[in-house]
Amino acid sequence: GYFEPKGGDLTPSYQIDFRLYQNGVSRELLIDYGDFS
C-alpha cells in the first residue's frame, strides 16, 4: 500500500498486489487505484 505521508488516512493512494520471486521477477499483478483496478 502506498500512503500519503503523515496523512492519517488508513486508505492507501493505491495498492499493488503481485507474486514476487526470489530472483526479483514478479507476476500476477493487480494495481488498485480505488475507483478502478
PDB file of all heavy atoms in Angstrom:
ATOM      1  N   GLY A   1       0.830  -1.190   0.000  1.00  0.00           N
ATOM      2  CA  GLY A   1       0.000   0.000   0.000  1.00  0.00           C
ATOM      3  C   GLY A   1       0.868   1.244   0.000  1.00  0.00           C
ATOM      4  O   GLY A   1       1.842   1.325   0.751  1.00  0.00           O
ATOM      5  N   TYR A   2       0.532   2.221  -0.846  1.00  0.00           N
ATOM      6  CA  TYR A   2       1.271   3.483  -0.949  1.00  0.00           C
ATOM      7  C   TYR A   2       0.412   4.587  -0.324  1.00  0.00           C
ATOM      8  O   TYR A   2      -0.686   4.865  -0.806  1.00  0.00           O
ATOM      9  CB  TYR A   2       1.574   3.807  -2.412  1.00  0.00           C
ATOM     10  CG  TYR A   2       2.606   2.892  -3.027  1.00  0.00           C
ATOM     11  CD1 TYR A   2       2.286   1.577  -3.367  1.00  0.00           C
ATOM     12  CD2 TYR A   2       3.905   3.323  -3.262  1.00  0.00           C
ATOM     13  CE1 TYR A   2       3.232   0.731  -3.928  1.00  0.00           C
ATOM     14  CE2 TYR A   2       4.858   2.489  -3.822  1.00  0.00           C
ATOM     15  CZ  TYR A   2       4.508   1.189  -4.151  1.00  0.00           C
ATOM     16  OH  TYR A   2       5.450   0.368  -4.705  1.00  0.00           O
ATOM     17  N   PHE A   3       0.920   5.199   0.733  1.00  0.00           N
ATOM     18  CA  PHE A   3       0.151   6.145   1.517  1.00  0.00           C
ATOM     19  C   PHE A   3       0.732   7.547   1.431  1.00  0.00           C
ATOM     20  O   PHE A   3       1.951   7.722   1.290  1.00  0.00           O
ATOM     21  CB  PHE A   3       0.115   5.722   2.991  1.00  0.00           C
ATOM     22  CG  PHE A   3      -0.545   4.402   3.247  1.00  0.00           C
ATOM     23  CD1 PHE A   3       0.176   3.215   3.118  1.00  0.00           C
ATOM     24  CD2 PHE A   3      -1.879   4.332   3.617  1.00  0.00           C
ATOM     25  CE1 PHE A   3      -0.424   1.985   3.364  1.00  0.00           C
ATOM     26  CE2 PHE A   3      -2.488   3.114   3.864  1.00  0.00           C
ATOM     27  CZ  PHE A   3      -1.764   1.937   3.734  1.00  0.00           C
ATOM     28  N   GLU A   4      -0.150   8.543   1.538  1.00  0.00           N
ATOM     29  CA  GLU A   4       0.300   9.920   1.655  1.00  0.00           C
ATOM     30  C   GLU A   4       1.056  10.062   2.980  1.00  0.00           C
ATOM     31  O   GLU A   4       0.600   9.576   4.015  1.00  0.00           O
ATOM     32  CB  GLU A   4      -0.881  10.876   1.639  1.00  0.00           C
ATOM     33  CG  GLU A   4      -1.658  10.882   0.336  1.00  0.00           C
ATOM     34  CD  GLU A   4      -0.913  11.581  -0.776  1.00  0.00           C
ATOM     35  OE1 GLU A   4      -0.007  12.384  -0.469  1.00  0.00           O
ATOM     36  OE2 GLU A   4      -1.227  11.334  -1.944  1.00  0.00           O
ATOM     37  N   PRO A   5       2.214  10.709   2.985  1.00  0.00           N
ATOM     38  CA  PRO A   5       2.992  10.831   4.228  1.00  0.00           C
ATOM     39  C   PRO A   5       2.255  11.641   5.278  1.00  0.00           C
ATOM     40  O   PRO A   5       1.759  12.736   5.001  1.00  0.00           O
ATOM     41  CB  PRO A   5       4.278  11.532   3.772  1.00  0.00           C
ATOM     42  CG  PRO A   5       3.914  12.224   2.496  1.00  0.00           C
ATOM     43  CD  PRO A   5       2.873  11.361   1.847  1.00  0.00           C
ATOM     44  N   LYS A   6       2.181  11.079   6.472  1.00  0.00           N
ATOM     45  CA  LYS A   6       1.587  11.736   7.632  1.00  0.00           C
ATOM     46  C   LYS A   6       0.171  12.245   7.366  1.00  0.00           C
ATOM     47  O   LYS A   6      -0.268  13.247   7.927  1.00  0.00           O
ATOM     48  CB  LYS A   6       2.469  12.905   8.082  1.00  0.00           C
ATOM     49  CG  LYS A   6       3.868  12.476   8.501  1.00  0.00           C
ATOM     50  CD  LYS A   6       4.700  13.657   8.937  1.00  0.00           C
ATOM     51  CE  LYS A   6       6.111  13.227   9.343  1.00  0.00           C
ATOM     52  NZ  LYS A   6       6.963  14.371   9.739  1.00  0.00           N
ATOM     53  N   GLY A   7      -0.533  11.536   6.503  1.00  0.00           N
ATOM     54  CA  GLY A   7      -1.882  11.980   6.184  1.00  0.00           C
ATOM     55  C   GLY A   7      -2.908  11.499   7.175  1.00  0.00           C
ATOM     56  O   GLY A   7      -3.997  12.055   7.277  1.00  0.00           O
ATOM     57  N   GLY A   8      -2.582  10.454   7.925  1.00  0.00           N
ATOM     58  CA  GLY A   8      -3.526   9.914   8.895  1.00  0.00           C
ATOM     59  C   GLY A   8      -4.640   9.096   8.270  1.00  0.00           C
ATOM     60  O   GLY A   8      -5.510   8.590   8.977  1.00  0.00           O
ATOM     61  N   ASP A   9      -4.617   8.962   6.942  1.00  0.00           N
ATOM     62  CA  ASP A   9      -5.658   8.203   6.252  1.00  0.00           C
ATOM     63  C   ASP A   9      -5.222   6.743   6.160  1.00  0.00           C
ATOM     64  O   ASP A   9      -4.128   6.437   5.690  1.00  0.00           O
ATOM     65  CB  ASP A   9      -5.872   8.778   4.851  1.00  0.00           C
ATOM     66  CG  ASP A   9      -7.121   8.223   4.175  1.00  0.00           C
ATOM     67  OD1 ASP A   9      -7.685   7.253   4.706  1.00  0.00           O
ATOM     68  OD2 ASP A   9      -7.520   8.766   3.133  1.00  0.00           O
ATOM     69  N   LEU A  10      -6.081   5.841   6.588  1.00  0.00           N
ATOM     70  CA  LEU A  10      -5.748   4.421   6.557  1.00  0.00           C
ATOM     71  C   LEU A  10      -5.968   3.811   5.181  1.00  0.00           C
ATOM     72  O   LEU A  10      -5.634   2.647   4.954  1.00  0.00           O
ATOM     73  CB  LEU A  10      -6.601   3.677   7.589  1.00  0.00           C
ATOM     74  CG  LEU A  10      -6.367   4.094   9.053  1.00  0.00           C
ATOM     75  CD1 LEU A  10      -7.272   3.274   9.975  1.00  0.00           C
ATOM     76  CD2 LEU A  10      -4.910   3.926   9.450  1.00  0.00           C
ATOM     77  N   THR A  11      -6.537   4.579   4.254  1.00  0.00           N
ATOM     78  CA  THR A  11      -6.752   4.102   2.892  1.00  0.00           C
ATOM     79  C   THR A  11      -5.575   4.512   2.023  1.00  0.00           C
ATOM     80  O   THR A  11      -5.246   5.700   1.940  1.00  0.00           O
ATOM     81  CB  THR A  11      -8.048   4.680   2.306  1.00  0.00           C
ATOM     82  OG1 THR A  11      -9.143   4.324   3.136  1.00  0.00           O
ATOM     83  CG2 THR A  11      -8.275   4.139   0.895  1.00  0.00           C
ATOM     84  N   PRO A  12      -4.902   3.569   1.345  1.00  0.00           N
ATOM     85  CA  PRO A  12      -3.751   3.933   0.518  1.00  0.00           C
ATOM     86  C   PRO A  12      -4.162   4.706  -0.732  1.00  0.00           C
ATOM     87  O   PRO A  12      -5.295   4.588  -1.207  1.00  0.00           O
ATOM     88  CB  PRO A  12      -3.139   2.578   0.154  1.00  0.00           C
ATOM     89  CG  PRO A  12      -4.278   1.620   0.222  1.00  0.00           C
ATOM     90  CD  PRO A  12      -5.163   2.121   1.336  1.00  0.00           C
ATOM     91  N   SER A  13      -3.244   5.511  -1.250  1.00  0.00           N
ATOM     92  CA  SER A  13      -3.486   6.190  -2.517  1.00  0.00           C
ATOM     93  C   SER A  13      -3.670   5.167  -3.625  1.00  0.00           C
ATOM     94  O   SER A  13      -4.498   5.340  -4.513  1.00  0.00           O
ATOM     95  CB  SER A  13      -2.309   7.117  -2.854  1.00  0.00           C
ATOM     96  OG  SER A  13      -2.166   8.128  -1.874  1.00  0.00           O
ATOM     97  N   TYR A  14      -2.886   4.105  -3.566  1.00  0.00           N
ATOM     98  CA  TYR A  14      -3.086   2.949  -4.444  1.00  0.00           C
ATOM     99  C   TYR A  14      -2.399   1.753  -3.822  1.00  0.00           C
ATOM    100  O   TYR A  14      -1.588   1.884  -2.898  1.00  0.00           O
ATOM    101  CB  TYR A  14      -2.591   3.215  -5.867  1.00  0.00           C
ATOM    102  CG  TYR A  14      -1.103   3.457  -6.011  1.00  0.00           C
ATOM    103  CD1 TYR A  14      -0.245   2.426  -6.380  1.00  0.00           C
ATOM    104  CD2 TYR A  14      -0.566   4.728  -5.825  1.00  0.00           C
ATOM    105  CE1 TYR A  14       1.105   2.643  -6.537  1.00  0.00           C
ATOM    106  CE2 TYR A  14       0.793   4.957  -5.971  1.00  0.00           C
ATOM    107  CZ  TYR A  14       1.624   3.913  -6.336  1.00  0.00           C
ATOM    108  OH  TYR A  14       2.973   4.135  -6.488  1.00  0.00           O
ATOM    109  N   GLN A  15      -2.728   0.586  -4.340  1.00  0.00           N
ATOM    110  CA  GLN A  15      -2.199  -0.659  -3.787  1.00  0.00           C
ATOM    111  C   GLN A  15      -1.788  -1.578  -4.925  1.00  0.00           C
ATOM    112  O   GLN A  15      -2.473  -1.665  -5.946  1.00  0.00           O
ATOM    113  CB  GLN A  15      -3.261  -1.349  -2.923  1.00  0.00           C
ATOM    114  CG  GLN A  15      -2.819  -2.666  -2.308  1.00  0.00           C
ATOM    115  CD  GLN A  15      -3.858  -3.219  -1.351  1.00  0.00           C
ATOM    116  OE1 GLN A  15      -4.370  -2.506  -0.491  1.00  0.00           O
ATOM    117  NE2 GLN A  15      -4.183  -4.489  -1.503  1.00  0.00           N
ATOM    118  N   ILE A  16      -0.659  -2.254  -4.752  1.00  0.00           N
ATOM    119  CA  ILE A  16      -0.158  -3.186  -5.758  1.00  0.00           C
ATOM    120  C   ILE A  16      -0.032  -4.569  -5.137  1.00  0.00           C
ATOM    121  O   ILE A  16       0.619  -4.733  -4.105  1.00  0.00           O
ATOM    122  CB  ILE A  16       1.211  -2.739  -6.307  1.00  0.00           C
ATOM    123  CG1 ILE A  16       1.110  -1.347  -6.941  1.00  0.00           C
ATOM    124  CG2 ILE A  16       1.726  -3.733  -7.336  1.00  0.00           C
ATOM    125  CD1 ILE A  16       2.428  -0.832  -7.474  1.00  0.00           C
ATOM    126  N   ASP A  17      -0.650  -5.555  -5.757  1.00  0.00           N
ATOM    127  CA  ASP A  17      -0.521  -6.950  -5.341  1.00  0.00           C
ATOM    128  C   ASP A  17       0.209  -7.719  -6.446  1.00  0.00           C
ATOM    129  O   ASP A  17      -0.051  -7.499  -7.636  1.00  0.00           O
ATOM    130  CB  ASP A  17      -1.895  -7.589  -5.112  1.00  0.00           C
ATOM    131  CG  ASP A  17      -2.688  -6.894  -4.015  1.00  0.00           C
ATOM    132  OD1 ASP A  17      -2.087  -6.144  -3.235  1.00  0.00           O
ATOM    133  OD2 ASP A  17      -3.912  -7.103  -3.951  1.00  0.00           O
ATOM    134  N   PHE A  18       1.094  -8.628  -6.068  1.00  0.00           N
ATOM    135  CA  PHE A  18       1.819  -9.404  -7.065  1.00  0.00           C
ATOM    136  C   PHE A  18       2.477 -10.600  -6.407  1.00  0.00           C
ATOM    137  O   PHE A  18       2.570 -10.691  -5.179  1.00  0.00           O
ATOM    138  CB  PHE A  18       2.879  -8.550  -7.767  1.00  0.00           C
ATOM    139  CG  PHE A  18       3.855  -7.876  -6.842  1.00  0.00           C
ATOM    140  CD1 PHE A  18       5.081  -8.443  -6.549  1.00  0.00           C
ATOM    141  CD2 PHE A  18       3.537  -6.650  -6.256  1.00  0.00           C
ATOM    142  CE1 PHE A  18       5.974  -7.821  -5.696  1.00  0.00           C
ATOM    143  CE2 PHE A  18       4.429  -6.017  -5.404  1.00  0.00           C
ATOM    144  CZ  PHE A  18       5.640  -6.589  -5.123  1.00  0.00           C
ATOM    145  N   ARG A  19       2.939 -11.528  -7.229  1.00  0.00           N
ATOM    146  CA  ARG A  19       3.739 -12.660  -6.770  1.00  0.00           C
ATOM    147  C   ARG A  19       5.203 -12.323  -7.028  1.00  0.00           C
ATOM    148  O   ARG A  19       5.600 -12.083  -8.167  1.00  0.00           O
ATOM    149  CB  ARG A  19       3.353 -13.930  -7.530  1.00  0.00           C
ATOM    150  CG  ARG A  19       4.206 -15.158  -7.162  1.00  0.00           C
ATOM    151  CD  ARG A  19       3.832 -15.726  -5.813  1.00  0.00           C
ATOM    152  NE  ARG A  19       2.519 -16.335  -5.884  1.00  0.00           N
ATOM    153  CZ  ARG A  19       2.314 -17.585  -6.329  1.00  0.00           C
ATOM    154  NH1 ARG A  19       3.323 -18.346  -6.694  1.00  0.00           N
ATOM    155  NH2 ARG A  19       1.082 -18.063  -6.370  1.00  0.00           N
ATOM    156  N   LEU A  20       5.989 -12.304  -5.963  1.00  0.00           N
ATOM    157  CA  LEU A  20       7.401 -11.952  -6.054  1.00  0.00           C
ATOM    158  C   LEU A  20       8.260 -13.206  -5.990  1.00  0.00           C
ATOM    159  O   LEU A  20       8.131 -14.013  -5.068  1.00  0.00           O
ATOM    160  CB  LEU A  20       7.773 -11.014  -4.905  1.00  0.00           C
ATOM    161  CG  LEU A  20       9.245 -10.628  -4.771  1.00  0.00           C
ATOM    162  CD1 LEU A  20       9.706  -9.809  -5.966  1.00  0.00           C
ATOM    163  CD2 LEU A  20       9.491  -9.871  -3.474  1.00  0.00           C
ATOM    164  N   TYR A  21       9.166 -13.345  -6.952  1.00  0.00           N
ATOM    165  CA  TYR A  21      10.076 -14.494  -6.981  1.00  0.00           C
ATOM    166  C   TYR A  21      11.453 -14.086  -6.458  1.00  0.00           C
ATOM    167  O   TYR A  21      11.810 -12.902  -6.466  1.00  0.00           O
ATOM    168  CB  TYR A  21      10.187 -15.041  -8.407  1.00  0.00           C
ATOM    169  CG  TYR A  21       8.927 -15.753  -8.840  1.00  0.00           C
ATOM    170  CD1 TYR A  21       7.831 -15.035  -9.278  1.00  0.00           C
ATOM    171  CD2 TYR A  21       8.816 -17.132  -8.757  1.00  0.00           C
ATOM    172  CE1 TYR A  21       6.643 -15.666  -9.648  1.00  0.00           C
ATOM    173  CE2 TYR A  21       7.636 -17.784  -9.124  1.00  0.00           C
ATOM    174  CZ  TYR A  21       6.558 -17.046  -9.561  1.00  0.00           C
ATOM    175  OH  TYR A  21       5.384 -17.677  -9.899  1.00  0.00           O
ATOM    176  N   GLN A  22      12.202 -15.066  -5.997  1.00  0.00           N
ATOM    177  CA  GLN A  22      13.468 -14.789  -5.324  1.00  0.00           C
ATOM    178  C   GLN A  22      14.490 -14.127  -6.236  1.00  0.00           C
ATOM    179  O   GLN A  22      15.451 -13.508  -5.754  1.00  0.00           O
ATOM    180  CB  GLN A  22      14.047 -16.087  -4.739  1.00  0.00           C
ATOM    181  CG  GLN A  22      14.447 -17.128  -5.768  1.00  0.00           C
ATOM    182  CD  GLN A  22      14.875 -18.436  -5.120  1.00  0.00           C
ATOM    183  OE1 GLN A  22      14.055 -19.190  -4.616  1.00  0.00           O
ATOM    184  NE2 GLN A  22      16.169 -18.681  -5.107  1.00  0.00           N
ATOM    185  N   ASN A  23      14.301 -14.214  -7.562  1.00  0.00           N
ATOM    186  CA  ASN A  23      15.219 -13.554  -8.495  1.00  0.00           C
ATOM    187  C   ASN A  23      14.754 -12.148  -8.858  1.00  0.00           C
ATOM    188  O   ASN A  23      15.361 -11.493  -9.701  1.00  0.00           O
ATOM    189  CB  ASN A  23      15.400 -14.397  -9.759  1.00  0.00           C
ATOM    190  CG  ASN A  23      14.111 -14.516 -10.564  1.00  0.00           C
ATOM    191  OD1 ASN A  23      13.024 -14.147 -10.101  1.00  0.00           O
ATOM    192  ND2 ASN A  23      14.220 -15.056 -11.769  1.00  0.00           N
ATOM    193  N   GLY A  24      13.665 -11.669  -8.228  1.00  0.00           N
ATOM    194  CA  GLY A  24      13.204 -10.306  -8.471  1.00  0.00           C
ATOM    195  C   GLY A  24      12.105 -10.171  -9.493  1.00  0.00           C
ATOM    196  O   GLY A  24      11.495  -9.106  -9.619  1.00  0.00           O
ATOM    197  N   VAL A  25      11.815 -11.219 -10.247  1.00  0.00           N
ATOM    198  CA  VAL A  25      10.726 -11.183 -11.234  1.00  0.00           C
ATOM    199  C   VAL A  25       9.389 -11.255 -10.498  1.00  0.00           C
ATOM    200  O   VAL A  25       9.275 -11.903  -9.453  1.00  0.00           O
ATOM    201  CB  VAL A  25      10.864 -12.349 -12.230  1.00  0.00           C
ATOM    202  CG1 VAL A  25       9.650 -12.422 -13.165  1.00  0.00           C
ATOM    203  CG2 VAL A  25      12.137 -12.196 -13.046  1.00  0.00           C
ATOM    204  N   SER A  26       8.380 -10.586 -11.033  1.00  0.00           N
ATOM    205  CA  SER A  26       7.047 -10.662 -10.440  1.00  0.00           C
ATOM    206  C   SER A  26       6.003 -10.954 -11.512  1.00  0.00           C
ATOM    207  O   SER A  26       6.214 -10.668 -12.696  1.00  0.00           O
ATOM    208  CB  SER A  26       6.693  -9.359  -9.715  1.00  0.00           C
ATOM    209  OG  SER A  26       6.691  -8.267 -10.614  1.00  0.00           O
ATOM    210  N   ARG A  27       4.894 -11.514 -11.093  1.00  0.00           N
ATOM    211  CA  ARG A  27       3.768 -11.798 -11.987  1.00  0.00           C
ATOM    212  C   ARG A  27       2.489 -11.716 -11.155  1.00  0.00           C
ATOM    213  O   ARG A  27       2.528 -11.335 -10.008  1.00  0.00           O
ATOM    214  CB  ARG A  27       3.913 -13.176 -12.661  1.00  0.00           C
ATOM    215  CG  ARG A  27       4.220 -14.309 -11.713  1.00  0.00           C
ATOM    216  CD  ARG A  27       4.325 -15.646 -12.441  1.00  0.00           C
ATOM    217  NE  ARG A  27       3.023 -16.127 -12.873  1.00  0.00           N
ATOM    218  CZ  ARG A  27       2.196 -16.833 -12.104  1.00  0.00           C
ATOM    219  NH1 ARG A  27       2.533 -17.134 -10.861  1.00  0.00           N
ATOM    220  NH2 ARG A  27       1.039 -17.246 -12.568  1.00  0.00           N
ATOM    221  N   GLU A  28       1.336 -12.035 -11.794  1.00  0.00           N
ATOM    222  CA  GLU A  28       0.026 -11.928 -11.126  1.00  0.00           C
ATOM    223  C   GLU A  28      -0.174 -10.518 -10.578  1.00  0.00           C
ATOM    224  O   GLU A  28      -0.528 -10.314  -9.422  1.00  0.00           O
ATOM    225  CB  GLU A  28      -0.106 -12.948  -9.990  1.00  0.00           C
ATOM    226  CG  GLU A  28      -0.134 -14.388 -10.450  1.00  0.00           C
ATOM    227  CD  GLU A  28      -0.335 -15.366  -9.289  1.00  0.00           C
ATOM    228  OE1 GLU A  28      -0.299 -14.924  -8.124  1.00  0.00           O
ATOM    229  OE2 GLU A  28      -0.543 -16.553  -9.545  1.00  0.00           O
ATOM    230  N   LEU A  29       0.029  -9.520 -11.417  1.00  0.00           N
ATOM    231  CA  LEU A  29      -0.014  -8.123 -10.994  1.00  0.00           C
ATOM    232  C   LEU A  29      -1.440  -7.590 -10.921  1.00  0.00           C
ATOM    233  O   LEU A  29      -2.254  -7.813 -11.819  1.00  0.00           O
ATOM    234  CB  LEU A  29       0.792  -7.270 -11.976  1.00  0.00           C
ATOM    235  CG  LEU A  29       0.787  -5.757 -11.745  1.00  0.00           C
ATOM    236  CD1 LEU A  29       1.510  -5.429 -10.447  1.00  0.00           C
ATOM    237  CD2 LEU A  29       1.432  -5.033 -12.919  1.00  0.00           C
ATOM    238  N   LEU A  30      -1.728  -6.874  -9.846  1.00  0.00           N
ATOM    239  CA  LEU A  30      -3.001  -6.172  -9.696  1.00  0.00           C
ATOM    240  C   LEU A  30      -2.714  -4.806  -9.088  1.00  0.00           C
ATOM    241  O   LEU A  30      -2.165  -4.709  -7.992  1.00  0.00           O
ATOM    242  CB  LEU A  30      -3.967  -6.945  -8.803  1.00  0.00           C
ATOM    243  CG  LEU A  30      -5.320  -6.264  -8.544  1.00  0.00           C
ATOM    244  CD1 LEU A  30      -6.121  -6.160  -9.838  1.00  0.00           C
ATOM    245  CD2 LEU A  30      -6.115  -7.012  -7.479  1.00  0.00           C
ATOM    246  N   ILE A  31      -3.085  -3.737  -9.811  1.00  0.00           N
ATOM    247  CA  ILE A  31      -2.924  -2.369  -9.319  1.00  0.00           C
ATOM    248  C   ILE A  31      -4.311  -1.818  -9.026  1.00  0.00           C
ATOM    249  O   ILE A  31      -5.147  -1.721  -9.924  1.00  0.00           O
ATOM    250  CB  ILE A  31      -2.202  -1.471 -10.337  1.00  0.00           C
ATOM    251  CG1 ILE A  31      -0.901  -2.117 -10.807  1.00  0.00           C
ATOM    252  CG2 ILE A  31      -1.916  -0.102  -9.735  1.00  0.00           C
ATOM    253  CD1 ILE A  31      -0.186  -1.323 -11.886  1.00  0.00           C
ATOM    254  N   ASP A  32      -4.553  -1.452  -7.789  1.00  0.00           N
ATOM    255  CA  ASP A  32      -5.868  -0.975  -7.358  1.00  0.00           C
ATOM    256  C   ASP A  32      -5.774   0.509  -7.004  1.00  0.00           C
ATOM    257  O   ASP A  32      -5.106   0.893  -6.054  1.00  0.00           O
ATOM    258  CB  ASP A  32      -6.342  -1.787  -6.151  1.00  0.00           C
ATOM    259  CG  ASP A  32      -7.778  -1.464  -5.766  1.00  0.00           C
ATOM    260  OD1 ASP A  32      -8.334  -0.486  -6.287  1.00  0.00           O
ATOM    261  OD2 ASP A  32      -8.342  -2.193  -4.934  1.00  0.00           O
ATOM    262  N   TYR A  33      -6.467   1.340  -7.801  1.00  0.00           N
ATOM    263  CA  TYR A  33      -6.467   2.780  -7.569  1.00  0.00           C
ATOM    264  C   TYR A  33      -7.702   3.238  -6.787  1.00  0.00           C
ATOM    265  O   TYR A  33      -7.917   4.429  -6.621  1.00  0.00           O
ATOM    266  CB  TYR A  33      -6.410   3.531  -8.900  1.00  0.00           C
ATOM    267  CG  TYR A  33      -5.092   3.388  -9.617  1.00  0.00           C
ATOM    268  CD1 TYR A  33      -4.955   2.497 -10.684  1.00  0.00           C
ATOM    269  CD2 TYR A  33      -3.979   4.122  -9.236  1.00  0.00           C
ATOM    270  CE1 TYR A  33      -3.751   2.363 -11.356  1.00  0.00           C
ATOM    271  CE2 TYR A  33      -2.771   4.000  -9.902  1.00  0.00           C
ATOM    272  CZ  TYR A  33      -2.668   3.116 -10.960  1.00  0.00           C
ATOM    273  OH  TYR A  33      -1.465   2.975 -11.622  1.00  0.00           O
ATOM    274  N   GLY A  34      -8.501   2.312  -6.324  1.00  0.00           N
ATOM    275  CA  GLY A  34      -9.703   2.660  -5.586  1.00  0.00           C
ATOM    276  C   GLY A  34     -10.914   2.749  -6.483  1.00  0.00           C
ATOM    277  O   GLY A  34     -11.862   1.970  -6.361  1.00  0.00           O
ATOM    278  N   ASP A  35     -10.902   3.694  -7.430  1.00  0.00           N
ATOM    279  CA  ASP A  35     -12.017   3.838  -8.366  1.00  0.00           C
ATOM    280  C   ASP A  35     -11.989   2.776  -9.454  1.00  0.00           C
ATOM    281  O   ASP A  35     -13.028   2.432 -10.030  1.00  0.00           O
ATOM    282  CB  ASP A  35     -11.993   5.227  -9.017  1.00  0.00           C
ATOM    283  CG  ASP A  35     -12.228   6.344  -8.010  1.00  0.00           C
ATOM    284  OD1 ASP A  35     -12.934   6.088  -7.017  1.00  0.00           O
ATOM    285  OD2 ASP A  35     -11.707   7.455  -8.204  1.00  0.00           O
ATOM    286  N   PHE A  36     -10.810   2.271  -9.767  1.00  0.00           N
ATOM    287  CA  PHE A  36     -10.682   1.217 -10.771  1.00  0.00           C
ATOM    288  C   PHE A  36      -9.401   0.446 -10.492  1.00  0.00           C
ATOM    289  O   PHE A  36      -8.548   0.888  -9.722  1.00  0.00           O
ATOM    290  CB  PHE A  36     -10.664   1.789 -12.197  1.00  0.00           C
ATOM    291  CG  PHE A  36      -9.445   2.618 -12.508  1.00  0.00           C
ATOM    292  CD1 PHE A  36      -8.358   2.066 -13.166  1.00  0.00           C
ATOM    293  CD2 PHE A  36      -9.384   3.959 -12.145  1.00  0.00           C
ATOM    294  CE1 PHE A  36      -7.234   2.823 -13.451  1.00  0.00           C
ATOM    295  CE2 PHE A  36      -8.266   4.737 -12.418  1.00  0.00           C
ATOM    296  CZ  PHE A  36      -7.192   4.162 -13.084  1.00  0.00           C
ATOM    297  N   SER A  37      -9.262  -0.701 -11.103  1.00  0.00           N
ATOM    298  CA  SER A  37      -8.070  -1.532 -10.915  1.00  0.00           C
ATOM    299  C   SER A  37      -7.594  -2.062 -12.264  1.00  0.00           C
ATOM    300  O   SER A  37      -8.351  -2.121 -13.237  1.00  0.00           O
ATOM    301  CB  SER A  37      -8.350  -2.695  -9.953  1.00  0.00           C
ATOM    302  OG  SER A  37      -9.372  -3.523 -10.462  1.00  0.00           O
TER     303      SER A  37
END
